[in-house]
Amino acid sequence: MEACMRDIPECDWLQTWTSLAKSFAFCYNPALQPRALIVFGCISKSITDQDVKQLLRILVKALESFNDIILLEALVMCLTRLQPLLRPESPIHKALFWIAISVLQLDESTLYAAGLALLEQNLHTLNSQQLFDKQNIADVMMATREPLEWHFKQLDHAVGLSFKSNFHFALVGHLLKGFRHPTPTTVSRTSRILTMLLGIIAKPQRRDKFEVTPESVAYLTALVCLSEEVRSRCHVKHTLPRVDVAGGDPSAAGAATGGTQPGSAGGNGGNVRRQKSWDMLDQSAIQYARQSHKVQQHQERGSRSSVSNESNVLLDPEVLPDSSTQALVLTVLATLVKYTTDETETRVLYQYLAEGSVVFPKVFPVIHSLLDQKVNNVLSVSNDQIVLASVQSIIQNMLASEDASQQPLHFLQSCGFGGLWRFAGPFTKYNMMVESSELFVNCLEAMVETCLPVEETAPMPPSPRPYNLSSSLSSLTLGSPTDKGSSSN
């Protein structure tokens, strides 16, 4: 159409088409409105804050009834397309971050995919505006939602993930669910967003994005079972004794976590696979673990003089001295291992959990209930000797710590993350979906009417530069007929 318009004097076909699409998009019509929203998002060359506010009002109405998933998906996809066209200083940019998060909280697979695409586009847009070059993303986003904190606190409570307690782990908790999505595109997008966030949080301090810090550890932990680069840059530190559960000297054969020694767990393969009682584990191995804990507790805590690949350990008490952060790291690992079905991921996760049982003995009991069933299953049927060695080490260190003071549910709830393991699981018919949608409606309505005060403005002229579109648009089923023309400009 644009190619034809160049050769036809005073031709305004595209403007007419855009005007018609907009009129249908803003008018209730179950048959046409969703398609008109997609077309409007694809072909628009400019957008005003007032138009986006009108779309958000339509979103409020659609959420109130919550009986048309297609309309909700179309609205989110339209917002994803239009965001790069908004003026850079628009307050709507930051608001769209929380709108995307709230869409994820609805726990509906179709809407989750659309919300994740909106979140990726939002982060890409704000990052390209250099908003995070000198400011921490947590500070920027929490300041945005402060006027509506009462509403957002209820949304956090409904899913059991508190942004106020720990922004980074709350964000990761919402993204972990993407790994359980049935669509591979959404799974890969989840990894892409986590990797993007690593770069974003490293910007203000000019750090390497793989350096383990209290801010980055949430994203690194989420990626450790998927990214070979993360594993190579954020490794485990302690060696684990290779223990023969039938009896043997653990000091006779030590191997780094993840090493493979055929005789370590396979020599008595039948006994190992049937072993279910922790009381029957080698007592010398338990004593060895107790001594390891004593040495660990008396190690001097000093700041790392320099961060090399060797000193950059994912689970480091010196870097993560806070017990709640330690517990959240372990909970993310346990949640991932609870829901994964991939053998390679399982092997990696158990290796890091074995490391966690050594370096975080005081808080490790928090995840006992998450690991119980998986551990029993490994001891019963697993033939993977690396996994068996890691599980044996976990059990021995759990017994050696002899600390039952941490009550899992209570401790995670006190941190504001009682729902982390539950929300990050597979998509089901979420029994709180209606409640979440009602809370979302109240929050979004207050946001539109009180926190996004925009005046009527004339439509902006088409931007001479290419659209700042992220790859979040790659899964949209309708491509923009103007993309080719805009990119050539």
Protein backbone atom coordinates (compact mmCIF):
# COMPACT_ATOMS: atom_id res chain seq x y z
CA MET A 1 0.00 0.00 0.00
CA GLU A 2 2.80 2.41 0.86
CA ALA A 3 4.52 1.60 -2.43
CA CYS A 4 1.35 2.51 -4.32
CA MET A 5 0.83 5.66 -2.28
CA ARG A 6 4.23 7.02 -3.28
CA ASP A 7 3.18 7.13 -6.93
CA ILE A 8 -0.37 8.42 -6.44
CA PRO A 9 -0.74 12.15 -5.73
CA GLU A 10 -2.57 13.04 -2.51
CA CYS A 11 -3.22 9.39 -1.70
CA ASP A 12 -4.23 8.70 1.91
CA TRP A 13 -5.17 5.04 1.77
CA LEU A 14 -3.13 4.12 4.84
CA GLN A 15 -4.55 6.95 6.93
CA THR A 16 -8.07 5.93 5.92
CA TRP A 17 -7.40 2.30 6.74
CA THR A 18 -5.90 3.26 10.10
CA SER A 19 -8.89 5.48 10.90
CA LEU A 20 -11.34 2.70 10.07
CA ALA A 21 -9.38 0.13 12.08
CA LYS A 22 -9.29 2.50 15.05
CA SER A 23 -13.03 3.11 14.94
CA PHE A 24 -13.73 -0.63 14.97
CA ALA A 25 -11.08 -1.24 17.64
CA PHE A 26 -12.68 1.25 20.01
CA CYS A 27 -16.23 0.02 19.42
CA TYR A 28 -17.67 -3.06 21.12
CA ASN A 29 -18.24 -5.80 18.59
CA PRO A 30 -17.34 -9.39 19.55
CA ALA A 31 -16.88 -10.41 15.92
CA LEU A 32 -14.76 -7.50 14.68
CA GLN A 33 -13.18 -5.76 17.67
CA PRO A 34 -10.35 -8.25 18.38
CA ARG A 35 -9.28 -8.32 14.72
CA ALA A 36 -9.55 -4.55 14.44
CA LEU A 37 -7.31 -4.17 17.51
CA ILE A 38 -4.62 -6.31 15.90
CA VAL A 39 -4.82 -4.40 12.61
CA PHE A 40 -4.76 -1.05 14.41
CA GLY A 41 -1.63 -2.08 16.30
CA CYS A 42 0.08 -3.31 13.14
CA ILE A 43 -0.56 -0.42 10.75
CA SER A 44 -0.46 2.60 13.07
CA LYS A 45 2.33 5.07 12.41
CA SER A 46 1.72 7.20 15.49
CA ILE A 47 -0.20 7.00 18.74
CA THR A 48 -1.23 9.41 21.47
CA ASP A 49 -1.33 8.82 25.20
CA GLN A 50 -5.06 9.41 25.07
CA ASP A 51 -5.55 6.57 22.59
CA VAL A 52 -3.61 4.18 24.81
CA LYS A 53 -5.65 5.27 27.81
CA GLN A 54 -8.77 4.45 25.85
CA LEU A 55 -7.39 0.99 25.10
CA LEU A 56 -6.70 0.51 28.80
CA ARG A 57 -10.29 1.45 29.61
CA ILE A 58 -11.45 -1.21 27.15
CA LEU A 59 -9.11 -3.64 28.91
CA VAL A 60 -10.78 -2.80 32.22
CA LYS A 61 -14.22 -3.59 30.78
CA ALA A 62 -12.99 -6.84 29.23
CA LEU A 63 -11.45 -7.93 32.54
CA GLU A 64 -14.65 -7.19 34.43
CA SER A 65 -16.54 -9.84 32.51
CA PHE A 66 -13.50 -12.06 31.82
CA ASN A 67 -15.47 -14.13 29.33
CA ASP A 68 -13.63 -13.23 26.12
CA ILE A 69 -10.01 -14.39 26.20
CA ILE A 70 -9.59 -13.52 22.51
CA LEU A 71 -10.46 -9.87 23.16
CA LEU A 72 -8.10 -9.71 26.14
CA GLU A 73 -5.30 -11.25 24.09
CA ALA A 74 -5.93 -8.82 21.22
CA LEU A 75 -5.78 -5.83 23.58
CA VAL A 76 -2.45 -6.95 25.04
CA MET A 77 -1.03 -7.63 21.57
CA CYS A 78 -2.20 -4.21 20.39
CA LEU A 79 -0.50 -2.51 23.36
CA THR A 80 2.68 -4.45 22.55
CA ARG A 81 2.68 -3.11 19.00
CA LEU A 82 1.85 0.46 19.95
CA GLN A 83 4.29 0.99 22.80
CA PRO A 84 7.32 1.83 20.59
CA LEU A 85 5.23 4.61 18.99
CA LEU A 86 4.55 6.37 22.30
CA ARG A 87 6.47 9.54 23.05
CA PRO A 88 9.57 8.63 25.13
CA GLU A 89 8.54 10.77 28.11
CA SER A 90 5.08 9.22 28.37
CA PRO A 91 4.25 7.91 31.87
CA ILE A 92 2.46 5.01 30.21
CA HIS A 93 5.77 3.29 29.44
CA LYS A 94 6.47 2.43 33.08
CA ALA A 95 2.82 1.65 33.78
CA LEU A 96 2.85 -0.97 31.03
CA PHE A 97 5.47 -2.92 32.98
CA TRP A 98 3.03 -3.48 35.82
CA ILE A 99 0.17 -4.13 33.42
CA ALA A 100 2.25 -6.90 31.82
CA ILE A 101 3.04 -8.38 35.25
CA SER A 102 -0.65 -8.33 36.17
CA VAL A 103 -1.50 -10.16 32.94
CA LEU A 104 1.00 -12.87 33.88
CA GLN A 105 -0.70 -13.21 37.27
CA LEU A 106 -3.96 -14.22 35.63
CA ASP A 107 -2.38 -17.68 35.16
CA GLU A 108 -4.02 -18.31 31.78
CA SER A 109 -1.67 -19.80 29.19
CA THR A 110 -2.84 -17.73 26.20
CA LEU A 111 -2.79 -14.47 28.13
CA TYR A 112 0.53 -15.39 29.75
CA ALA A 113 2.17 -15.63 26.32
CA ALA A 114 0.73 -12.26 25.28
CA GLY A 115 1.70 -10.66 28.60
CA LEU A 116 5.23 -11.99 28.31
CA ALA A 117 5.57 -10.44 24.84
CA LEU A 118 4.35 -7.11 26.26
CA LEU A 119 6.86 -7.36 29.10
CA GLU A 120 9.72 -8.04 26.69
CA GLN A 121 8.74 -5.10 24.48
CA ASN A 122 8.41 -2.88 27.55
CA LEU A 123 11.87 -3.74 28.88
CA HIS A 124 13.36 -3.35 25.40
CA THR A 125 11.76 0.06 24.94
CA LEU A 126 12.76 1.41 28.36
CA ASN A 127 16.26 0.01 28.01
CA SER A 128 16.68 1.66 24.60
CA GLN A 129 15.65 4.95 26.22
CA GLN A 130 18.64 4.47 28.57
CA LEU A 131 16.36 4.56 31.58
CA PHE A 132 18.37 1.87 33.36
CA ASP A 133 21.85 3.20 32.60
CA LYS A 134 22.13 4.97 35.95
CA GLN A 135 19.08 3.75 37.87
CA ASN A 136 18.32 0.33 39.24
CA ILE A 137 15.28 -1.24 37.60
CA ALA A 138 13.85 -2.12 41.00
CA ASP A 139 13.99 1.52 42.17
CA VAL A 140 12.46 2.79 38.93
CA MET A 141 9.57 0.36 38.85
CA MET A 142 8.76 0.41 42.56
CA ALA A 143 8.59 4.21 42.45
CA THR A 144 6.13 3.92 39.56
CA ARG A 145 3.71 1.78 41.52
CA GLU A 146 4.06 3.62 44.83
CA PRO A 147 0.87 5.73 44.38
CA LEU A 148 -1.08 2.48 43.91
CA GLU A 149 0.82 0.40 46.46
CA TRP A 150 -2.39 -0.56 48.26
CA HIS A 151 -3.74 -2.19 45.10
CA PHE A 152 -0.46 -3.83 44.12
CA LYS A 153 0.03 -5.21 47.61
CA GLN A 154 -3.24 -7.12 47.21
CA LEU A 155 -2.13 -8.44 43.81
CA ASP A 156 1.18 -9.58 45.32
CA HIS A 157 -0.61 -11.28 48.19
CA ALA A 158 -2.97 -13.13 45.84
CA VAL A 159 -0.10 -14.89 44.06
CA GLY A 160 2.26 -15.04 47.04
CA LEU A 161 5.09 -13.07 45.41
CA SER A 162 6.04 -9.78 47.07
CA PHE A 163 7.78 -7.17 44.94
CA LYS A 164 8.14 -4.97 48.01
CA SER A 165 10.08 -7.66 49.87
CA ASN A 166 12.38 -8.56 46.98
CA PHE A 167 11.74 -7.12 43.53
CA HIS A 168 14.12 -9.41 41.67
CA PHE A 169 12.90 -12.71 43.08
CA ALA A 170 9.28 -11.64 42.63
CA LEU A 171 9.96 -10.89 38.97
CA VAL A 172 11.76 -14.21 38.54
CA GLY A 173 8.86 -15.98 40.25
CA HIS A 174 6.51 -14.65 37.57
CA LEU A 175 8.91 -15.63 34.78
CA LEU A 176 9.59 -19.18 35.98
CA LYS A 177 6.09 -20.10 34.92
CA GLY A 178 7.12 -19.40 31.34
CA PHE A 179 9.34 -22.50 31.44
CA ARG A 180 6.20 -24.59 31.91
CA HIS A 181 4.35 -23.02 28.98
CA PRO A 182 3.25 -25.46 26.25
CA THR A 183 4.51 -23.19 23.43
CA PRO A 184 8.27 -23.36 22.70
CA THR A 185 8.25 -19.72 21.56
CA THR A 186 7.13 -18.62 25.02
CA VAL A 187 9.71 -20.83 26.72
CA SER A 188 12.52 -19.31 24.66
CA ARG A 189 11.14 -15.82 25.28
CA THR A 190 11.30 -16.47 29.02
CA SER A 191 15.02 -17.28 28.77
CA ARG A 192 15.55 -14.23 26.58
CA ILE A 193 13.90 -11.90 29.10
CA LEU A 194 15.92 -13.32 31.99
CA THR A 195 19.12 -12.80 30.00
CA MET A 196 18.06 -9.25 29.12
CA LEU A 197 17.42 -8.52 32.79
CA LEU A 198 20.93 -9.68 33.66
CA GLY A 199 22.30 -6.99 31.37
CA ILE A 200 19.89 -4.36 32.68
CA ILE A 201 20.73 -4.79 36.35
CA ALA A 202 24.48 -4.79 35.64
CA LYS A 203 24.37 -1.39 33.90
CA PRO A 204 24.24 1.09 36.82
CA GLN A 205 27.29 -0.45 38.55
CA ARG A 206 29.09 -1.23 35.27
CA ARG A 207 29.45 -4.85 36.34
CA ASP A 208 29.85 -8.00 34.32
CA LYS A 209 26.33 -9.33 33.93
CA PHE A 210 27.42 -12.77 35.16
CA GLU A 211 28.88 -11.45 38.41
CA VAL A 212 26.94 -12.88 41.34
CA THR A 213 25.36 -10.13 43.45
CA PRO A 214 22.24 -9.99 45.64
CA GLU A 215 20.48 -8.36 42.65
CA SER A 216 21.65 -10.72 39.91
CA VAL A 217 21.49 -14.03 41.76
CA ALA A 218 17.74 -14.45 41.16
CA TYR A 219 18.15 -14.33 37.37
CA LEU A 220 21.33 -16.42 37.36
CA THR A 221 19.65 -19.09 39.46
CA ALA A 222 16.69 -19.23 37.09
CA LEU A 223 19.01 -19.65 34.09
CA VAL A 224 21.56 -22.03 35.57
CA CYS A 225 19.89 -25.21 34.34
CA LEU A 226 19.34 -23.83 30.83
CA SER A 227 22.44 -21.81 30.04
CA GLU A 228 25.85 -23.43 29.67
CA GLU A 229 27.40 -19.96 29.85
CA VAL A 230 25.79 -19.25 33.23
CA ARG A 231 27.03 -22.59 34.58
CA SER A 232 30.56 -21.94 33.35
CA ARG A 233 30.62 -18.44 34.86
CA CYS A 234 28.76 -19.22 38.10
CA HIS A 235 29.98 -22.62 39.17
CA VAL A 236 29.85 -24.68 42.36
CA LYS A 237 32.71 -24.41 44.81
CA HIS A 238 32.75 -27.36 47.17
CA THR A 239 33.73 -30.90 46.34
CA LEU A 240 31.48 -33.71 47.42
CA PRO A 241 32.72 -37.03 48.79
CA ARG A 242 31.83 -40.04 46.74
CA VAL A 243 30.00 -42.15 49.27
CA ASP A 244 29.20 -45.82 49.01
CA VAL A 245 25.92 -46.10 50.93
CA ALA A 246 26.72 -49.69 51.79
CA GLY A 247 29.66 -48.47 53.83
CA GLY A 248 32.97 -46.94 52.94
CA ASP A 249 35.41 -44.15 53.57
CA PRO A 250 34.20 -40.91 52.02
CA SER A 251 37.69 -39.45 52.06
CA ALA A 252 39.00 -42.24 49.88
CA ALA A 253 37.43 -40.85 46.75
CA GLY A 254 36.52 -37.18 46.46
CA ALA A 255 35.22 -35.71 43.26
CA ALA A 256 33.98 -32.33 42.21
CA THR A 257 30.24 -31.93 41.98
CA GLY A 258 29.09 -33.26 38.68
CA GLY A 259 32.05 -35.60 38.19
CA THR A 260 31.33 -39.11 37.02
CA GLN A 261 32.83 -42.14 38.71
CA PRO A 262 31.21 -45.41 37.74
CA GLY A 263 31.85 -47.05 41.06
CA SER A 264 30.43 -44.25 43.16
CA ALA A 265 26.80 -45.21 43.07
CA GLY A 266 26.58 -48.03 40.62
CA GLY A 267 28.61 -50.71 42.40
CA ASN A 268 25.61 -51.59 44.52
CA GLY A 269 23.09 -50.25 42.04
CA GLY A 270 20.19 -52.35 43.26
CA ASN A 271 20.70 -51.32 46.88
CA VAL A 272 21.13 -47.68 45.98
CA ARG A 273 17.93 -47.53 43.97
CA ARG A 274 15.94 -49.22 46.71
CA GLN A 275 17.47 -47.17 49.52
CA LYS A 276 14.74 -45.08 51.14
CA SER A 277 15.73 -44.74 54.78
CA TRP A 278 18.03 -41.87 55.68
CA ASP A 279 18.94 -43.63 58.93
CA MET A 280 20.83 -46.31 56.97
CA LEU A 281 23.22 -43.87 55.34
CA ASP A 282 26.90 -44.28 56.06
CA GLN A 283 27.60 -42.75 59.48
CA SER A 284 31.16 -41.84 58.53
CA ALA A 285 29.79 -39.77 55.65
CA ILE A 286 27.44 -37.95 58.03
CA GLN A 287 30.35 -37.24 60.37
CA TYR A 288 32.34 -35.93 57.40
CA ALA A 289 29.47 -33.58 56.55
CA ARG A 290 29.31 -32.32 60.14
CA GLN A 291 33.00 -31.49 60.04
CA SER A 292 32.53 -29.69 56.73
CA HIS A 293 29.82 -27.52 58.30
CA LYS A 294 32.09 -26.62 61.22
CA VAL A 295 34.86 -25.59 58.87
CA GLN A 296 32.37 -23.61 56.80
CA GLN A 297 31.07 -21.75 59.86
CA HIS A 298 34.56 -20.73 60.96
CA GLN A 299 35.72 -19.46 57.61
CA GLU A 300 36.57 -15.79 57.65
CA ARG A 301 34.09 -13.64 55.77
CA GLY A 302 35.93 -11.14 53.67
CA SER A 303 34.99 -9.19 50.59
CA ARG A 304 36.22 -10.57 47.31
CA SER A 305 39.25 -8.59 46.25
CA SER A 306 38.50 -9.32 42.62
CA VAL A 307 35.85 -11.25 40.79
CA SER A 308 37.38 -13.88 38.58
CA ASN A 309 35.71 -16.86 37.04
CA GLU A 310 37.03 -19.00 39.89
CA SER A 311 35.75 -16.74 42.68
CA ASN A 312 32.37 -16.09 41.04
CA VAL A 313 30.40 -18.81 42.83
CA LEU A 314 26.61 -18.86 42.52
CA LEU A 315 25.97 -19.92 46.13
CA ASP A 316 28.39 -17.83 48.16
CA PRO A 317 27.56 -16.89 51.79
CA GLU A 318 29.93 -13.93 51.55
CA VAL A 319 27.98 -12.45 48.66
CA LEU A 320 24.56 -13.57 49.96
CA PRO A 321 24.75 -13.14 53.74
CA ASP A 322 21.02 -12.49 54.15
CA SER A 323 19.08 -15.60 55.19
CA SER A 324 15.97 -14.63 53.23
CA THR A 325 17.98 -14.27 50.01
CA GLN A 326 19.62 -17.63 50.65
CA ALA A 327 16.22 -19.22 51.21
CA LEU A 328 14.82 -17.71 48.01
CA VAL A 329 17.76 -18.96 45.95
CA LEU A 330 17.26 -22.47 47.31
CA THR A 331 13.50 -22.25 46.76
CA VAL A 332 13.99 -21.29 43.11
CA LEU A 333 16.33 -24.26 42.62
CA ALA A 334 13.93 -26.61 44.41
CA THR A 335 10.97 -25.28 42.43
CA LEU A 336 12.79 -25.83 39.15
CA VAL A 337 13.75 -29.38 40.08
CA LYS A 338 10.22 -30.07 41.29
CA TYR A 339 8.65 -29.31 37.93
CA THR A 340 11.34 -30.16 35.39
CA THR A 341 11.15 -33.34 33.35
CA ASP A 342 14.48 -32.92 31.55
CA GLU A 343 17.27 -35.22 32.73
CA THR A 344 20.08 -32.76 32.04
CA GLU A 345 18.31 -29.98 33.92
CA THR A 346 17.64 -32.34 36.82
CA ARG A 347 21.31 -33.29 37.04
CA VAL A 348 22.47 -29.67 37.08
CA LEU A 349 19.88 -28.57 39.63
CA TYR A 350 20.72 -31.35 42.08
CA GLN A 351 24.39 -30.45 41.86
CA TYR A 352 23.65 -26.88 42.89
CA LEU A 353 21.22 -28.03 45.58
CA ALA A 354 23.94 -30.28 46.99
CA GLU A 355 26.18 -27.23 47.10
CA GLY A 356 23.41 -25.27 48.83
CA SER A 357 23.08 -27.92 51.53
CA VAL A 358 26.74 -27.31 52.38
CA VAL A 359 26.99 -23.52 52.24
CA PHE A 360 23.48 -22.61 53.51
CA PRO A 361 22.87 -25.27 56.20
CA LYS A 362 20.77 -23.00 58.42
CA VAL A 363 18.15 -22.20 55.78
CA PHE A 364 18.24 -25.42 53.77
CA PRO A 365 15.41 -26.97 55.86
CA VAL A 366 13.10 -24.40 54.27
CA ILE A 367 12.96 -26.48 51.08
CA HIS A 368 12.72 -29.93 52.69
CA SER A 369 9.04 -30.29 51.83
CA LEU A 370 9.68 -29.31 48.19
CA LEU A 371 12.37 -31.95 47.82
CA ASP A 372 10.86 -34.87 49.76
CA GLN A 373 8.93 -36.48 46.94
CA LYS A 374 11.62 -35.90 44.33
CA VAL A 375 14.36 -37.24 46.59
CA ASN A 376 12.38 -40.38 47.36
CA ASN A 377 11.77 -40.87 43.66
CA VAL A 378 15.47 -40.51 42.85
CA LEU A 379 16.47 -43.03 45.50
CA SER A 380 13.82 -45.44 44.25
CA VAL A 381 14.21 -45.42 40.48
CA SER A 382 17.07 -43.20 39.29
CA ASN A 383 20.03 -44.74 37.47
CA ASP A 384 21.86 -41.42 37.07
CA GLN A 385 24.94 -41.70 39.27
CA ILE A 386 25.59 -37.96 39.29
CA VAL A 387 22.06 -37.29 40.54
CA LEU A 388 22.34 -40.09 43.09
CA ALA A 389 25.62 -38.72 44.42
CA SER A 390 24.12 -35.23 44.74
CA VAL A 391 21.00 -36.52 46.48
CA GLN A 392 23.06 -38.57 48.92
CA SER A 393 25.12 -35.49 49.73
CA ILE A 394 21.92 -33.47 50.27
CA ILE A 395 20.54 -36.06 52.68
CA GLN A 396 23.78 -36.34 54.63
CA ASN A 397 24.09 -32.57 54.98
CA MET A 398 20.45 -32.27 56.02
CA LEU A 399 21.04 -34.78 58.80
CA ALA A 400 24.34 -33.22 59.78
CA SER A 401 22.87 -29.75 60.18
CA GLU A 402 20.44 -31.01 62.84
CA ASP A 403 18.48 -27.77 62.60
CA ALA A 404 14.72 -28.03 62.57
CA SER A 405 14.11 -24.42 63.55
CA GLN A 406 13.11 -23.31 60.05
CA GLN A 407 9.47 -23.98 59.29
CA PRO A 408 9.26 -23.95 55.48
CA LEU A 409 5.82 -22.49 54.90
CA HIS A 410 6.04 -19.97 57.71
CA PHE A 411 9.50 -18.75 56.71
CA LEU A 412 8.62 -18.24 53.04
CA GLN A 413 5.37 -16.51 53.97
CA SER A 414 7.25 -14.19 56.31
CA CYS A 415 9.49 -13.29 53.35
CA GLY A 416 6.42 -12.62 51.20
CA PHE A 417 7.03 -15.62 48.93
CA GLY A 418 4.67 -18.29 50.16
CA GLY A 419 3.36 -18.80 46.62
CA LEU A 420 6.66 -19.00 44.76
CA TRP A 421 6.72 -22.77 44.25
CA ARG A 422 2.98 -22.93 43.49
CA PHE A 423 2.74 -20.09 40.95
CA ALA A 424 5.84 -21.27 39.08
CA GLY A 425 4.22 -24.63 38.36
CA PRO A 426 2.35 -25.80 35.26
CA PHE A 427 -0.71 -24.01 33.93
CA THR A 428 -3.92 -25.30 35.45
CA LYS A 429 -7.43 -24.02 35.98
CA TYR A 430 -6.28 -21.56 38.61
CA ASN A 431 -8.97 -21.32 41.27
CA MET A 432 -7.93 -17.74 42.09
CA MET A 433 -8.17 -16.49 38.48
CA VAL A 434 -11.43 -14.65 39.17
CA GLU A 435 -10.00 -13.04 42.30
CA SER A 436 -6.85 -11.98 40.45
CA SER A 437 -8.86 -10.48 37.60
CA GLU A 438 -11.00 -8.50 40.05
CA LEU A 439 -7.91 -7.13 41.79
CA PHE A 440 -6.37 -6.33 38.40
CA VAL A 441 -9.52 -4.43 37.39
CA ASN A 442 -9.45 -2.31 40.54
CA CYS A 443 -5.75 -1.55 40.15
CA LEU A 444 -5.91 -0.80 36.42
CA GLU A 445 -8.96 1.42 36.81
CA ALA A 446 -7.23 3.45 39.52
CA MET A 447 -4.08 3.65 37.40
CA VAL A 448 -5.90 4.93 34.32
CA GLU A 449 -8.00 7.51 36.13
CA THR A 450 -5.50 8.84 38.68
CA CYS A 451 -1.92 8.00 37.72
CA LEU A 452 -1.91 8.60 33.97
CA PRO A 453 -3.09 12.22 33.67
CA VAL A 454 -2.63 13.02 30.01
CA GLU A 455 -4.07 15.82 27.97
CA GLU A 456 -5.55 15.65 24.52
CA THR A 457 -2.70 15.99 22.07
CA ALA A 458 -2.50 16.12 18.32
CA PRO A 459 -1.32 12.91 16.68
CA MET A 460 2.43 12.74 16.35
CA PRO A 461 3.84 12.70 12.82
CA PRO A 462 5.28 9.40 11.65
CA SER A 463 8.73 8.77 13.05
CA PRO A 464 11.49 8.97 10.44
CA ARG A 465 13.49 6.30 12.25
CA PRO A 466 12.78 2.55 12.25
CA TYR A 467 10.45 1.26 14.90
CA ASN A 468 12.13 0.14 18.08
CA LEU A 469 10.49 -3.27 18.06
CA SER A 470 11.78 -6.12 20.15
CA SER A 471 11.63 -9.75 19.17
CA SER A 472 8.57 -10.00 21.41
CA LEU A 473 6.61 -9.46 18.21
CA SER A 474 8.06 -12.51 16.52
CA SER A 475 5.23 -14.77 17.60
CA LEU A 476 2.37 -12.52 16.53
CA THR A 477 0.36 -14.29 13.89
CA LEU A 478 -0.31 -11.10 11.94
CA GLY A 479 2.69 -9.26 10.56
CA SER A 480 2.65 -5.56 9.88
CA PRO A 481 2.38 -4.63 6.20
CA THR A 482 4.29 -1.46 7.02
CA ASP A 483 7.29 -3.13 8.64
CA LYS A 484 9.16 -3.49 5.35
CA GLY A 485 8.63 0.11 4.41
CA SER A 486 9.57 1.48 7.80
CA SER A 487 12.73 -0.59 8.03
CA SER A 488 13.83 0.53 4.58
CA ASN A 489 13.47 4.12 5.69
